[in-house]
Structure formats: structure tokens, C-alpha cells
Amino acid sequence: MSDLEISPIHERAVRAADGFRRAEAELLEALRAVEDAHVFEKMGHSSLFLYATQELRLTEAVAYAAIQVMRKAREVPELREKIISGELSVSTARKIVPV
């Protein structure tokens, strides 16, 4: 494959990765709003986790990590800013949240 053929493929991968980071940040913001407004309770769920796994169809691992990071980002605004800016992924933030 020539460099001319690789470049569009690489650019597509970069765009997809950027979109993934934006989607992670948006998910955290959406979960925060759902929790703040108690939407999960209004929809008959006893927890945000059940809402995330049953209504949003997130895996248990993804739901747990997103909720854990979202809650820590409330306490630590710098964490939220780094996730929104794309400097930090949810999976990386998940590793440092317990600290």
C-alpha cells in the first residue's frame, strides 16, 4: 500500500477515535443529567446502573466505569475538563478514580 492509499485510511481512523472520545464525554454528561433529574427512577429503575444497562444497553463494565467516572468528575472538575477536552479517556480515568 502506498502512502497515498494509507493516508485516507489513517485519517478515517483518527476521525473515528476523536468521535469516540467525544461520545464518551457526552455519555458522562448525559448520565449526569439523568441522575440529577432522577430520570432513571421516573422510568421505574431503582438505580442509575440498571437504567444504563437496561435502557441504554451498555455492558455492565461500561456502565459501571462511566457512572464511577461521572461521579468523581463532579467532585473533581479538572477530571471532567480533561475528559471533555479528550486529554483523558473514560477507561484511563476509571483507573485513577479510586485514588
N, C-alpha and C. Protein backbone atom coordinates (compact mmCIF):
# COMPACT_ATOMS: atom_id res chain seq x y z
N MET A 1 0.84 -1.17 0.00
CA MET A 1 0.00 0.00 0.00
C MET A 1 0.89 1.24 0.00
N SER A 2 0.57 2.17 -0.86
CA SER A 2 1.36 3.40 -0.94
C SER A 2 0.91 4.38 0.14
N ASP A 3 1.74 5.40 0.36
CA ASP A 3 1.41 6.44 1.33
C ASP A 3 0.10 7.14 0.96
N LEU A 4 -0.15 7.28 -0.36
CA LEU A 4 -1.40 7.92 -0.80
C LEU A 4 -2.62 7.09 -0.43
N GLU A 5 -2.47 5.78 -0.39
CA GLU A 5 -3.58 4.90 -0.02
C GLU A 5 -3.77 4.82 1.49
N ILE A 6 -2.66 4.94 2.24
CA ILE A 6 -2.70 4.84 3.70
C ILE A 6 -3.31 6.09 4.33
N SER A 7 -3.03 7.24 3.78
CA SER A 7 -3.45 8.49 4.38
C SER A 7 -4.96 8.58 4.62
N PRO A 8 -5.81 8.29 3.62
CA PRO A 8 -7.25 8.38 3.88
C PRO A 8 -7.71 7.37 4.95
N ILE A 9 -7.10 6.21 4.98
CA ILE A 9 -7.46 5.20 5.96
C ILE A 9 -7.06 5.69 7.35
N HIS A 10 -5.87 6.25 7.46
CA HIS A 10 -5.40 6.79 8.73
C HIS A 10 -6.30 7.95 9.19
N GLU A 11 -6.63 8.84 8.28
CA GLU A 11 -7.49 9.98 8.61
C GLU A 11 -8.86 9.50 9.10
N ARG A 12 -9.38 8.46 8.49
CA ARG A 12 -10.66 7.90 8.93
C ARG A 12 -10.54 7.36 10.36
N ALA A 13 -9.44 6.68 10.64
CA ALA A 13 -9.23 6.13 11.99
C ALA A 13 -9.10 7.25 13.02
N VAL A 14 -8.41 8.32 12.66
CA VAL A 14 -8.26 9.46 13.56
C VAL A 14 -9.62 10.10 13.84
N ARG A 15 -10.43 10.28 12.80
CA ARG A 15 -11.77 10.86 12.98
C ARG A 15 -12.63 9.96 13.87
N ALA A 16 -12.54 8.66 13.67
CA ALA A 16 -13.32 7.72 14.47
C ALA A 16 -12.89 7.77 15.94
N ALA A 17 -11.59 7.84 16.18
CA ALA A 17 -11.09 7.92 17.55
C ALA A 17 -11.53 9.22 18.22
N ASP A 18 -11.47 10.32 17.48
CA ASP A 18 -11.94 11.61 18.01
C ASP A 18 -13.43 11.53 18.35
N GLY A 19 -14.20 10.93 17.47
CA GLY A 19 -15.63 10.77 17.70
C GLY A 19 -15.92 9.90 18.92
N PHE A 20 -15.11 8.89 19.10
CA PHE A 20 -15.27 8.00 20.25
C PHE A 20 -15.03 8.77 21.55
N ARG A 21 -13.98 9.58 21.58
CA ARG A 21 -13.69 10.37 22.79
C ARG A 21 -14.81 11.38 23.06
N ARG A 22 -15.33 12.00 22.01
CA ARG A 22 -16.45 12.93 22.18
C ARG A 22 -17.69 12.20 22.69
N ALA A 23 -17.93 11.01 22.17
CA ALA A 23 -19.10 10.23 22.60
C ALA A 23 -18.97 9.81 24.06
N GLU A 24 -17.77 9.46 24.50
CA GLU A 24 -17.57 9.12 25.91
C GLU A 24 -17.90 10.31 26.80
N ALA A 25 -17.39 11.48 26.43
CA ALA A 25 -17.65 12.69 27.22
C ALA A 25 -19.14 13.01 27.23
N GLU A 26 -19.80 12.87 26.10
CA GLU A 26 -21.23 13.15 26.01
C GLU A 26 -22.03 12.15 26.85
N LEU A 27 -21.61 10.89 26.87
CA LEU A 27 -22.28 9.89 27.69
C LEU A 27 -22.21 10.27 29.17
N LEU A 28 -21.04 10.71 29.62
CA LEU A 28 -20.90 11.11 31.02
C LEU A 28 -21.81 12.28 31.35
N GLU A 29 -21.88 13.25 30.46
CA GLU A 29 -22.75 14.41 30.68
C GLU A 29 -24.22 14.00 30.70
N ALA A 30 -24.58 13.08 29.81
CA ALA A 30 -25.97 12.61 29.76
C ALA A 30 -26.32 11.83 31.03
N LEU A 31 -25.42 10.97 31.48
CA LEU A 31 -25.67 10.22 32.70
C LEU A 31 -25.78 11.15 33.91
N ARG A 32 -24.98 12.19 33.90
CA ARG A 32 -25.05 13.17 34.99
C ARG A 32 -26.44 13.83 35.02
N ALA A 33 -26.94 14.20 33.86
CA ALA A 33 -28.26 14.82 33.77
C ALA A 33 -29.36 13.84 34.17
N VAL A 34 -29.23 12.59 33.75
CA VAL A 34 -30.21 11.56 34.11
C VAL A 34 -30.24 11.38 35.62
N GLU A 35 -29.06 11.35 36.23
CA GLU A 35 -29.01 11.18 37.69
C GLU A 35 -29.55 12.41 38.41
N ASP A 36 -29.14 13.59 37.97
CA ASP A 36 -29.59 14.83 38.61
C ASP A 36 -31.12 14.98 38.57
N ALA A 37 -31.72 14.59 37.46
CA ALA A 37 -33.17 14.73 37.29
C ALA A 37 -33.94 13.48 37.73
N HIS A 38 -33.21 12.48 38.22
CA HIS A 38 -33.82 11.22 38.67
C HIS A 38 -34.64 10.55 37.57
N VAL A 39 -34.20 10.71 36.34
CA VAL A 39 -34.89 10.11 35.20
C VAL A 39 -34.96 8.60 35.35
N PHE A 40 -33.89 7.98 35.85
CA PHE A 40 -33.88 6.53 35.99
C PHE A 40 -35.01 6.06 36.92
N GLU A 41 -35.28 6.81 37.99
CA GLU A 41 -36.36 6.45 38.90
C GLU A 41 -37.73 6.64 38.23
N LYS A 42 -37.86 7.74 37.51
CA LYS A 42 -39.13 8.03 36.83
C LYS A 42 -39.46 6.99 35.77
N MET A 43 -38.42 6.30 35.30
CA MET A 43 -38.62 5.24 34.31
C MET A 43 -38.72 3.86 34.96
N GLY A 44 -38.79 3.86 36.30
CA GLY A 44 -39.02 2.60 37.00
C GLY A 44 -37.78 1.83 37.40
N HIS A 45 -36.62 2.46 37.33
CA HIS A 45 -35.38 1.77 37.71
C HIS A 45 -34.94 2.22 39.09
N SER A 46 -34.44 1.28 39.87
CA SER A 46 -34.02 1.60 41.22
C SER A 46 -32.62 2.20 41.29
N SER A 47 -31.89 2.14 40.18
CA SER A 47 -30.54 2.69 40.17
C SER A 47 -30.16 3.20 38.79
N LEU A 48 -29.19 4.08 38.77
CA LEU A 48 -28.65 4.58 37.50
C LEU A 48 -27.99 3.44 36.73
N PHE A 49 -27.37 2.52 37.45
CA PHE A 49 -26.72 1.38 36.82
C PHE A 49 -27.73 0.54 36.04
N LEU A 50 -28.87 0.25 36.65
CA LEU A 50 -29.90 -0.54 35.95
C LEU A 50 -30.43 0.21 34.74
N TYR A 51 -30.61 1.50 34.88
CA TYR A 51 -31.04 2.34 33.75
C TYR A 51 -30.01 2.22 32.60
N ALA A 52 -28.73 2.36 32.96
CA ALA A 52 -27.68 2.35 31.94
C ALA A 52 -27.58 1.00 31.23
N THR A 53 -27.76 -0.08 31.99
CA THR A 53 -27.63 -1.40 31.36
C THR A 53 -28.92 -1.82 30.64
N GLN A 54 -30.06 -1.46 31.19
CA GLN A 54 -31.32 -1.91 30.59
C GLN A 54 -31.86 -0.95 29.53
N GLU A 55 -31.85 0.33 29.80
CA GLU A 55 -32.39 1.30 28.84
C GLU A 55 -31.37 1.70 27.78
N LEU A 56 -30.14 1.93 28.22
CA LEU A 56 -29.10 2.36 27.27
C LEU A 56 -28.36 1.18 26.64
N ARG A 57 -28.61 -0.01 27.19
CA ARG A 57 -27.99 -1.25 26.70
C ARG A 57 -26.47 -1.20 26.73
N LEU A 58 -25.92 -0.53 27.74
CA LEU A 58 -24.48 -0.55 27.94
C LEU A 58 -24.12 -1.86 28.64
N THR A 59 -22.92 -2.34 28.40
CA THR A 59 -22.48 -3.51 29.14
C THR A 59 -22.32 -3.12 30.60
N GLU A 60 -22.32 -4.08 31.47
CA GLU A 60 -22.15 -3.80 32.89
C GLU A 60 -20.83 -3.09 33.15
N ALA A 61 -19.77 -3.53 32.47
CA ALA A 61 -18.45 -2.92 32.67
C ALA A 61 -18.43 -1.46 32.23
N VAL A 62 -19.02 -1.19 31.07
CA VAL A 62 -19.06 0.19 30.56
C VAL A 62 -19.93 1.06 31.45
N ALA A 63 -21.08 0.55 31.85
CA ALA A 63 -21.98 1.32 32.71
C ALA A 63 -21.31 1.64 34.04
N TYR A 64 -20.69 0.66 34.65
CA TYR A 64 -20.04 0.85 35.94
C TYR A 64 -18.93 1.90 35.83
N ALA A 65 -18.08 1.76 34.81
CA ALA A 65 -16.97 2.69 34.63
C ALA A 65 -17.48 4.11 34.37
N ALA A 66 -18.46 4.25 33.51
CA ALA A 66 -18.98 5.57 33.17
C ALA A 66 -19.61 6.25 34.39
N ILE A 67 -20.37 5.50 35.16
CA ILE A 67 -21.01 6.07 36.34
C ILE A 67 -19.97 6.45 37.38
N GLN A 68 -19.01 5.59 37.59
CA GLN A 68 -17.95 5.86 38.57
C GLN A 68 -17.16 7.11 38.19
N VAL A 69 -16.79 7.22 36.93
CA VAL A 69 -16.01 8.38 36.46
C VAL A 69 -16.88 9.64 36.49
N MET A 70 -18.13 9.53 36.08
CA MET A 70 -19.04 10.69 36.09
C MET A 70 -19.17 11.26 37.50
N ARG A 71 -19.33 10.38 38.48
CA ARG A 71 -19.49 10.84 39.86
C ARG A 71 -18.21 11.48 40.40
N LYS A 72 -17.07 10.91 40.05
CA LYS A 72 -15.81 11.50 40.51
C LYS A 72 -15.57 12.84 39.81
N ALA A 73 -15.99 12.95 38.56
CA ALA A 73 -15.82 14.21 37.81
C ALA A 73 -16.65 15.34 38.43
N ARG A 74 -17.73 15.00 39.12
CA ARG A 74 -18.49 16.00 39.86
C ARG A 74 -17.64 16.60 40.97
N GLU A 75 -16.90 15.74 41.64
CA GLU A 75 -16.05 16.16 42.76
C GLU A 75 -14.79 16.86 42.29
N VAL A 76 -14.28 16.44 41.14
CA VAL A 76 -13.01 16.95 40.63
C VAL A 76 -13.25 17.56 39.24
N PRO A 77 -13.56 18.85 39.19
CA PRO A 77 -13.86 19.49 37.91
C PRO A 77 -12.74 19.36 36.87
N GLU A 78 -11.51 19.27 37.31
CA GLU A 78 -10.39 19.12 36.38
C GLU A 78 -10.48 17.79 35.62
N LEU A 79 -10.97 16.77 36.30
CA LEU A 79 -11.16 15.47 35.65
C LEU A 79 -12.18 15.60 34.53
N ARG A 80 -13.28 16.25 34.81
CA ARG A 80 -14.34 16.47 33.81
C ARG A 80 -13.78 17.24 32.62
N GLU A 81 -13.03 18.29 32.88
CA GLU A 81 -12.45 19.10 31.81
C GLU A 81 -11.53 18.29 30.92
N LYS A 82 -10.72 17.43 31.53
CA LYS A 82 -9.77 16.62 30.74
C LYS A 82 -10.50 15.59 29.88
N ILE A 83 -11.61 15.07 30.38
CA ILE A 83 -12.39 14.12 29.59
C ILE A 83 -13.08 14.84 28.45
N ILE A 84 -13.67 16.00 28.73
CA ILE A 84 -14.35 16.77 27.68
C ILE A 84 -13.37 17.20 26.60
N SER A 85 -12.15 17.58 26.99
CA SER A 85 -11.15 18.03 26.02
C SER A 85 -10.54 16.87 25.23
N GLY A 86 -10.77 15.65 25.70
CA GLY A 86 -10.20 14.49 25.01
C GLY A 86 -8.82 14.12 25.50
N GLU A 87 -8.31 14.85 26.48
CA GLU A 87 -6.98 14.54 27.02
C GLU A 87 -6.98 13.23 27.79
N LEU A 88 -8.14 12.85 28.31
CA LEU A 88 -8.24 11.67 29.15
C LEU A 88 -9.46 10.86 28.71
N SER A 89 -9.27 9.56 28.55
CA SER A 89 -10.40 8.70 28.20
C SER A 89 -11.09 8.22 29.46
N VAL A 90 -12.30 7.72 29.31
CA VAL A 90 -13.03 7.20 30.45
C VAL A 90 -12.29 5.99 31.03
N SER A 91 -11.75 5.16 30.17
CA SER A 91 -11.05 3.96 30.67
C SER A 91 -9.80 4.35 31.47
N THR A 92 -9.09 5.36 31.04
CA THR A 92 -7.93 5.82 31.79
C THR A 92 -8.38 6.49 33.09
N ALA A 93 -9.42 7.31 33.01
CA ALA A 93 -9.93 7.97 34.21
C ALA A 93 -10.41 6.94 35.21
N ARG A 94 -11.01 5.87 34.75
CA ARG A 94 -11.50 4.80 35.63
C ARG A 94 -10.38 4.24 36.49
N LYS A 95 -9.18 4.18 35.93
CA LYS A 95 -8.04 3.62 36.67
C LYS A 95 -7.57 4.56 37.79
N ILE A 96 -7.75 5.86 37.59
CA ILE A 96 -7.27 6.81 38.60
C ILE A 96 -8.36 7.29 39.56
N VAL A 97 -9.61 6.99 39.25
CA VAL A 97 -10.74 7.45 40.08
C VAL A 97 -10.62 6.99 41.53
N PRO A 98 -10.24 5.74 41.81
CA PRO A 98 -10.16 5.32 43.20
C PRO A 98 -9.08 6.05 44.02
N VAL A 99 -8.15 6.69 43.38
CA VAL A 99 -7.05 7.34 44.09
C VAL A 99 -7.51 8.57 44.83
